[in-house]
Amino acid sequence: MADSPDTDDVTPRPEKDPEDWVTGDEPMTGPQESYLHTLAQEAGEEVPEGLTKVEASKLIDELQRRTGRGAD
């Protein structure tokens, strides 16, 4: 059976820098907010009000580093 490029491609795709997001200045999404609160609770931090998508993404990255979540 031949490998299907649609299902078997595990080549990592580079993520777009949040600073380059067209909608980065919009309010964070519901899933971002939910995950941020989970990470913040584990890190003993508070989630600031009114974060943009870019700010939320950067804070998620920081809290993942501090909590060890998302580590490969």
PDB file of N, CA and C in Angstrom:
ATOM      1  N   MET A   1       0.846  -1.184   0.000  1.00  0.00           N
ATOM      2  CA  MET A   1       0.000   0.000   0.000  1.00  0.00           C
ATOM      3  C   MET A   1       0.886   1.240   0.000  1.00  0.00           C
ATOM      4  N   ALA A   2       0.650   2.147  -0.896  1.00  0.00           N
ATOM      5  CA  ALA A   2       1.472   3.348  -1.029  1.00  0.00           C
ATOM      6  C   ALA A   2       1.097   4.355   0.051  1.00  0.00           C
ATOM      7  N   ASP A   3       2.105   5.106   0.489  1.00  0.00           N
ATOM      8  CA  ASP A   3       1.851   6.148   1.479  1.00  0.00           C
ATOM      9  C   ASP A   3       1.096   7.294   0.831  1.00  0.00           C
ATOM     10  N   SER A   4       0.104   7.765   1.493  1.00  0.00           N
ATOM     11  CA  SER A   4      -0.650   8.909   1.000  1.00  0.00           C
ATOM     12  C   SER A   4      -0.017  10.180   1.539  1.00  0.00           C
ATOM     13  N   PRO A   5       0.300  11.130   0.666  1.00  0.00           N
ATOM     14  CA  PRO A   5       0.926  12.363   1.151  1.00  0.00           C
ATOM     15  C   PRO A   5       0.012  13.169   2.070  1.00  0.00           C
ATOM     16  N   ASP A   6      -1.293  12.950   1.952  1.00  0.00           N
ATOM     17  CA  ASP A   6      -2.217  13.714   2.791  1.00  0.00           C
ATOM     18  C   ASP A   6      -2.266  13.212   4.228  1.00  0.00           C
ATOM     19  N   THR A   7      -2.034  11.919   4.429  1.00  0.00           N
ATOM     20  CA  THR A   7      -2.195  11.364   5.769  1.00  0.00           C
ATOM     21  C   THR A   7      -0.888  10.984   6.437  1.00  0.00           C
ATOM     22  N   ASP A   8       0.165  10.768   5.658  1.00  0.00           N
ATOM     23  CA  ASP A   8       1.413  10.285   6.234  1.00  0.00           C
ATOM     24  C   ASP A   8       2.517  11.335   6.285  1.00  0.00           C
ATOM     25  N   ASP A   9       2.239  12.540   5.837  1.00  0.00           N
ATOM     26  CA  ASP A   9       3.252  13.593   5.836  1.00  0.00           C
ATOM     27  C   ASP A   9       3.430  14.117   7.256  1.00  0.00           C
ATOM     28  N   VAL A  10       4.590  13.868   7.827  1.00  0.00           N
ATOM     29  CA  VAL A  10       4.873  14.336   9.183  1.00  0.00           C
ATOM     30  C   VAL A  10       5.927  15.442   9.180  1.00  0.00           C
ATOM     31  N   THR A  11       6.156  16.035   8.023  1.00  0.00           N
ATOM     32  CA  THR A  11       7.119  17.128   7.916  1.00  0.00           C
ATOM     33  C   THR A  11       6.594  18.318   8.704  1.00  0.00           C
ATOM     34  N   PRO A  12       7.394  18.810   9.666  1.00  0.00           N
ATOM     35  CA  PRO A  12       6.924  19.969  10.433  1.00  0.00           C
ATOM     36  C   PRO A  12       6.775  21.183   9.532  1.00  0.00           C
ATOM     37  N   ARG A  13       5.730  21.910   9.754  1.00  0.00           N
ATOM     38  CA  ARG A  13       5.519  23.144   9.000  1.00  0.00           C
ATOM     39  C   ARG A  13       5.866  24.310   9.911  1.00  0.00           C
ATOM     40  N   PRO A  14       6.661  25.237   9.420  1.00  0.00           N
ATOM     41  CA  PRO A  14       7.012  26.379  10.277  1.00  0.00           C
ATOM     42  C   PRO A  14       5.772  27.196  10.616  1.00  0.00           C
ATOM     43  N   GLU A  15       5.696  27.591  11.873  1.00  0.00           N
ATOM     44  CA  GLU A  15       4.573  28.407  12.295  1.00  0.00           C
ATOM     45  C   GLU A  15       4.851  29.853  11.937  1.00  0.00           C
ATOM     46  N   LYS A  16       3.809  30.554  11.604  1.00  0.00           N
ATOM     47  CA  LYS A  16       3.932  31.970  11.291  1.00  0.00           C
ATOM     48  C   LYS A  16       4.156  32.736  12.593  1.00  0.00           C
ATOM     49  N   ASP A  17       5.089  33.663  12.572  1.00  0.00           N
ATOM     50  CA  ASP A  17       5.368  34.490  13.746  1.00  0.00           C
ATOM     51  C   ASP A  17       4.100  35.252  14.115  1.00  0.00           C
ATOM     52  N   PRO A  18       3.691  35.196  15.387  1.00  0.00           N
ATOM     53  CA  PRO A  18       2.476  35.916  15.790  1.00  0.00           C
ATOM     54  C   PRO A  18       2.488  37.395  15.405  1.00  0.00           C
ATOM     55  N   GLU A  19       3.645  38.005  15.356  1.00  0.00           N
ATOM     56  CA  GLU A  19       3.724  39.415  14.974  1.00  0.00           C
ATOM     57  C   GLU A  19       3.267  39.635  13.531  1.00  0.00           C
ATOM     58  N   ASP A  20       3.281  38.564  12.720  1.00  0.00           N
ATOM     59  CA  ASP A  20       2.883  38.660  11.323  1.00  0.00           C
ATOM     60  C   ASP A  20       1.422  38.287  11.086  1.00  0.00           C
ATOM     61  N   TRP A  21       0.699  37.932  12.150  1.00  0.00           N
ATOM     62  CA  TRP A  21      -0.700  37.561  12.000  1.00  0.00           C
ATOM     63  C   TRP A  21      -1.515  38.773  11.579  1.00  0.00           C
ATOM     64  N   VAL A  22      -2.336  38.604  10.559  1.00  0.00           N
ATOM     65  CA  VAL A  22      -3.193  39.687  10.085  1.00  0.00           C
ATOM     66  C   VAL A  22      -4.208  40.078  11.152  1.00  0.00           C
ATOM     67  N   THR A  23      -4.695  39.092  11.907  1.00  0.00           N
ATOM     68  CA  THR A  23      -5.721  39.355  12.922  1.00  0.00           C
ATOM     69  C   THR A  23      -5.135  39.384  14.330  1.00  0.00           C
ATOM     70  N   GLY A  24      -3.843  39.567  14.443  1.00  0.00           N
ATOM     71  CA  GLY A  24      -3.169  39.514  15.735  1.00  0.00           C
ATOM     72  C   GLY A  24      -3.606  40.547  16.739  1.00  0.00           C
ATOM     73  N   ASP A  25      -4.152  41.665  16.249  1.00  0.00           N
ATOM     74  CA  ASP A  25      -4.568  42.712  17.183  1.00  0.00           C
ATOM     75  C   ASP A  25      -6.013  42.546  17.640  1.00  0.00           C
ATOM     76  N   GLU A  26      -6.670  41.485  17.182  1.00  0.00           N
ATOM     77  CA  GLU A  26      -8.030  41.189  17.637  1.00  0.00           C
ATOM     78  C   GLU A  26      -7.976  40.562  19.029  1.00  0.00           C
ATOM     79  N   PRO A  27      -9.085  40.596  19.757  1.00  0.00           N
ATOM     80  CA  PRO A  27      -9.104  39.966  21.087  1.00  0.00           C
ATOM     81  C   PRO A  27      -8.769  38.480  21.006  1.00  0.00           C
ATOM     82  N   MET A  28      -8.151  37.965  22.068  1.00  0.00           N
ATOM     83  CA  MET A  28      -7.804  36.545  22.093  1.00  0.00           C
ATOM     84  C   MET A  28      -9.055  35.709  21.887  1.00  0.00           C
ATOM     85  N   THR A  29      -8.838  34.505  21.377  1.00  0.00           N
ATOM     86  CA  THR A  29      -9.951  33.600  21.121  1.00  0.00           C
ATOM     87  C   THR A  29     -10.376  32.911  22.413  1.00  0.00           C
ATOM     88  N   GLY A  30     -11.549  32.300  22.383  1.00  0.00           N
ATOM     89  CA  GLY A  30     -12.028  31.550  23.540  1.00  0.00           C
ATOM     90  C   GLY A  30     -11.084  30.428  23.929  1.00  0.00           C
ATOM     91  N   PRO A  31     -10.621  29.627  22.946  1.00  0.00           N
ATOM     92  CA  PRO A  31      -9.683  28.566  23.303  1.00  0.00           C
ATOM     93  C   PRO A  31      -8.371  29.101  23.894  1.00  0.00           C
ATOM     94  N   GLN A  32      -7.869  30.222  23.375  1.00  0.00           N
ATOM     95  CA  GLN A  32      -6.660  30.809  23.950  1.00  0.00           C
ATOM     96  C   GLN A  32      -6.908  31.195  25.407  1.00  0.00           C
ATOM     97  N   GLU A  33      -8.032  31.837  25.651  1.00  0.00           N
ATOM     98  CA  GLU A  33      -8.344  32.284  27.014  1.00  0.00           C
ATOM     99  C   GLU A  33      -8.462  31.106  27.971  1.00  0.00           C
ATOM    100  N   SER A  34      -9.151  30.067  27.525  1.00  0.00           N
ATOM    101  CA  SER A  34      -9.321  28.885  28.363  1.00  0.00           C
ATOM    102  C   SER A  34      -7.975  28.248  28.699  1.00  0.00           C
ATOM    103  N   TYR A  35      -7.138  28.055  27.681  1.00  0.00           N
ATOM    104  CA  TYR A  35      -5.831  27.428  27.896  1.00  0.00           C
ATOM    105  C   TYR A  35      -4.935  28.315  28.752  1.00  0.00           C
ATOM    106  N   LEU A  36      -5.005  29.620  28.529  1.00  0.00           N
ATOM    107  CA  LEU A  36      -4.217  30.548  29.348  1.00  0.00           C
ATOM    108  C   LEU A  36      -4.588  30.431  30.820  1.00  0.00           C
ATOM    109  N   HIS A  37      -5.856  30.327  31.099  1.00  0.00           N
ATOM    110  CA  HIS A  37      -6.277  30.215  32.501  1.00  0.00           C
ATOM    111  C   HIS A  37      -5.778  28.911  33.117  1.00  0.00           C
ATOM    112  N   THR A  38      -5.775  27.842  32.340  1.00  0.00           N
ATOM    113  CA  THR A  38      -5.240  26.570  32.823  1.00  0.00           C
ATOM    114  C   THR A  38      -3.752  26.693  33.130  1.00  0.00           C
ATOM    115  N   LEU A  39      -3.010  27.250  32.184  1.00  0.00           N
ATOM    116  CA  LEU A  39      -1.560  27.423  32.384  1.00  0.00           C
ATOM    117  C   LEU A  39      -1.261  28.371  33.539  1.00  0.00           C
ATOM    118  N   ALA A  40      -1.995  29.473  33.588  1.00  0.00           N
ATOM    119  CA  ALA A  40      -1.765  30.473  34.633  1.00  0.00           C
ATOM    120  C   ALA A  40      -2.018  29.880  36.014  1.00  0.00           C
ATOM    121  N   GLN A  41      -3.045  29.079  36.134  1.00  0.00           N
ATOM    122  CA  GLN A  41      -3.344  28.438  37.416  1.00  0.00           C
ATOM    123  C   GLN A  41      -2.180  27.544  37.835  1.00  0.00           C
ATOM    124  N   GLU A  42      -1.645  26.770  36.885  1.00  0.00           N
ATOM    125  CA  GLU A  42      -0.514  25.894  37.194  1.00  0.00           C
ATOM    126  C   GLU A  42       0.736  26.680  37.557  1.00  0.00           C
ATOM    127  N   ALA A  43       0.888  27.853  36.949  1.00  0.00           N
ATOM    128  CA  ALA A  43       2.072  28.677  37.191  1.00  0.00           C
ATOM    129  C   ALA A  43       1.882  29.646  38.357  1.00  0.00           C
ATOM    130  N   GLY A  44       0.685  29.680  38.929  1.00  0.00           N
ATOM    131  CA  GLY A  44       0.417  30.607  40.023  1.00  0.00           C
ATOM    132  C   GLY A  44       0.370  32.049  39.563  1.00  0.00           C
ATOM    133  N   GLU A  45      -0.103  32.263  38.350  1.00  0.00           N
ATOM    134  CA  GLU A  45      -0.167  33.605  37.754  1.00  0.00           C
ATOM    135  C   GLU A  45      -1.611  34.001  37.493  1.00  0.00           C
ATOM    136  N   GLU A  46      -1.800  35.265  37.202  1.00  0.00           N
ATOM    137  CA  GLU A  46      -3.096  35.788  36.789  1.00  0.00           C
ATOM    138  C   GLU A  46      -3.031  36.105  35.295  1.00  0.00           C
ATOM    139  N   VAL A  47      -4.144  35.937  34.600  1.00  0.00           N
ATOM    140  CA  VAL A  47      -4.220  36.298  33.185  1.00  0.00           C
ATOM    141  C   VAL A  47      -4.702  37.742  33.090  1.00  0.00           C
ATOM    142  N   PRO A  48      -3.900  38.614  32.465  1.00  0.00           N
ATOM    143  CA  PRO A  48      -4.329  39.998  32.313  1.00  0.00           C
ATOM    144  C   PRO A  48      -5.603  40.098  31.464  1.00  0.00           C
ATOM    145  N   GLU A  49      -6.394  41.101  31.713  1.00  0.00           N
ATOM    146  CA  GLU A  49      -7.615  41.353  30.946  1.00  0.00           C
ATOM    147  C   GLU A  49      -7.264  41.966  29.595  1.00  0.00           C
ATOM    148  N   GLY A  50      -8.101  41.701  28.604  1.00  0.00           N
ATOM    149  CA  GLY A  50      -8.027  42.395  27.328  1.00  0.00           C
ATOM    150  C   GLY A  50      -6.849  42.057  26.441  1.00  0.00           C
ATOM    151  N   LEU A  51      -6.324  40.834  26.521  1.00  0.00           N
ATOM    152  CA  LEU A  51      -5.188  40.463  25.677  1.00  0.00           C
ATOM    153  C   LEU A  51      -5.613  40.309  24.220  1.00  0.00           C
ATOM    154  N   THR A  52      -4.695  40.635  23.321  1.00  0.00           N
ATOM    155  CA  THR A  52      -4.916  40.376  21.908  1.00  0.00           C
ATOM    156  C   THR A  52      -4.496  38.939  21.602  1.00  0.00           C
ATOM    157  N   LYS A  53      -4.784  38.490  20.386  1.00  0.00           N
ATOM    158  CA  LYS A  53      -4.369  37.155  19.977  1.00  0.00           C
ATOM    159  C   LYS A  53      -2.856  36.995  20.070  1.00  0.00           C
ATOM    160  N   VAL A  54      -2.122  38.015  19.637  1.00  0.00           N
ATOM    161  CA  VAL A  54      -0.655  37.955  19.676  1.00  0.00           C
ATOM    162  C   VAL A  54      -0.161  37.912  21.115  1.00  0.00           C
ATOM    163  N   GLU A  55      -0.684  38.784  21.962  1.00  0.00           N
ATOM    164  CA  GLU A  55      -0.270  38.802  23.364  1.00  0.00           C
ATOM    165  C   GLU A  55      -0.585  37.478  24.047  1.00  0.00           C
ATOM    166  N   ALA A  56      -1.769  36.931  23.765  1.00  0.00           N
ATOM    167  CA  ALA A  56      -2.153  35.650  24.362  1.00  0.00           C
ATOM    168  C   ALA A  56      -1.219  34.541  23.894  1.00  0.00           C
ATOM    169  N   SER A  57      -0.882  34.538  22.612  1.00  0.00           N
ATOM    170  CA  SER A  57       0.009  33.512  22.079  1.00  0.00           C
ATOM    171  C   SER A  57       1.377  33.572  22.750  1.00  0.00           C
ATOM    172  N   LYS A  58       1.898  34.772  22.921  1.00  0.00           N
ATOM    173  CA  LYS A  58       3.209  34.933  23.570  1.00  0.00           C
ATOM    174  C   LYS A  58       3.154  34.502  25.030  1.00  0.00           C
ATOM    175  N   LEU A  59       2.068  34.828  25.713  1.00  0.00           N
ATOM    176  CA  LEU A  59       1.930  34.437  27.113  1.00  0.00           C
ATOM    177  C   LEU A  59       1.776  32.919  27.229  1.00  0.00           C
ATOM    178  N   ILE A  60       1.042  32.317  26.304  1.00  0.00           N
ATOM    179  CA  ILE A  60       0.925  30.858  26.285  1.00  0.00           C
ATOM    180  C   ILE A  60       2.302  30.232  26.143  1.00  0.00           C
ATOM    181  N   ASP A  61       3.101  30.727  25.201  1.00  0.00           N
ATOM    182  CA  ASP A  61       4.455  30.200  25.005  1.00  0.00           C
ATOM    183  C   ASP A  61       5.279  30.318  26.278  1.00  0.00           C
ATOM    184  N   GLU A  62       5.206  31.469  26.928  1.00  0.00           N
ATOM    185  CA  GLU A  62       5.972  31.700  28.155  1.00  0.00           C
ATOM    186  C   GLU A  62       5.523  30.765  29.272  1.00  0.00           C
ATOM    187  N   LEU A  63       4.214  30.648  29.458  1.00  0.00           N
ATOM    188  CA  LEU A  63       3.704  29.793  30.526  1.00  0.00           C
ATOM    189  C   LEU A  63       3.951  28.319  30.234  1.00  0.00           C
ATOM    190  N   GLN A  64       3.936  27.933  28.972  1.00  0.00           N
ATOM    191  CA  GLN A  64       4.283  26.549  28.624  1.00  0.00           C
ATOM    192  C   GLN A  64       5.719  26.252  29.006  1.00  0.00           C
ATOM    193  N   ARG A  65       6.609  27.189  28.749  1.00  0.00           N
ATOM    194  CA  ARG A  65       8.017  26.997  29.147  1.00  0.00           C
ATOM    195  C   ARG A  65       8.137  26.861  30.648  1.00  0.00           C
ATOM    196  N   ARG A  66       7.416  27.718  31.370  1.00  0.00           N
ATOM    197  CA  ARG A  66       7.536  27.710  32.836  1.00  0.00           C
ATOM    198  C   ARG A  66       6.895  26.499  33.477  1.00  0.00           C
ATOM    199  N   THR A  67       5.809  25.980  32.877  1.00  0.00           N
ATOM    200  CA  THR A  67       5.118  24.845  33.472  1.00  0.00           C
ATOM    201  C   THR A  67       5.581  23.501  32.909  1.00  0.00           C
ATOM    202  N   GLY A  68       6.323  23.535  31.809  1.00  0.00           N
ATOM    203  CA  GLY A  68       6.767  22.300  31.174  1.00  0.00           C
ATOM    204  C   GLY A  68       5.734  21.703  30.245  1.00  0.00           C
ATOM    205  N   ARG A  69       4.606  22.367  30.084  1.00  0.00           N
ATOM    206  CA  ARG A  69       3.580  21.884  29.142  1.00  0.00           C
ATOM    207  C   ARG A  69       4.033  22.191  27.723  1.00  0.00           C
ATOM    208  N   GLY A  70       3.677  21.310  26.827  1.00  0.00           N
ATOM    209  CA  GLY A  70       4.012  21.525  25.427  1.00  0.00           C
ATOM    210  C   GLY A  70       5.452  21.176  25.097  1.00  0.00           C
ATOM    211  N   ALA A  71       6.216  20.677  26.072  1.00  0.00           N
ATOM    212  CA  ALA A  71       7.603  20.306  25.814  1.00  0.00           C
ATOM    213  C   ALA A  71       7.636  19.012  25.014  1.00  0.00           C
ATOM    214  N   ASP A  72       8.495  18.977  24.041  1.00  0.00           N
ATOM    215  CA  ASP A  72       8.624  17.765  23.212  1.00  0.00           C
ATOM    216  C   ASP A  72       9.419  16.711  23.931  1.00  0.00           C
TER     217      ASP A  72
END
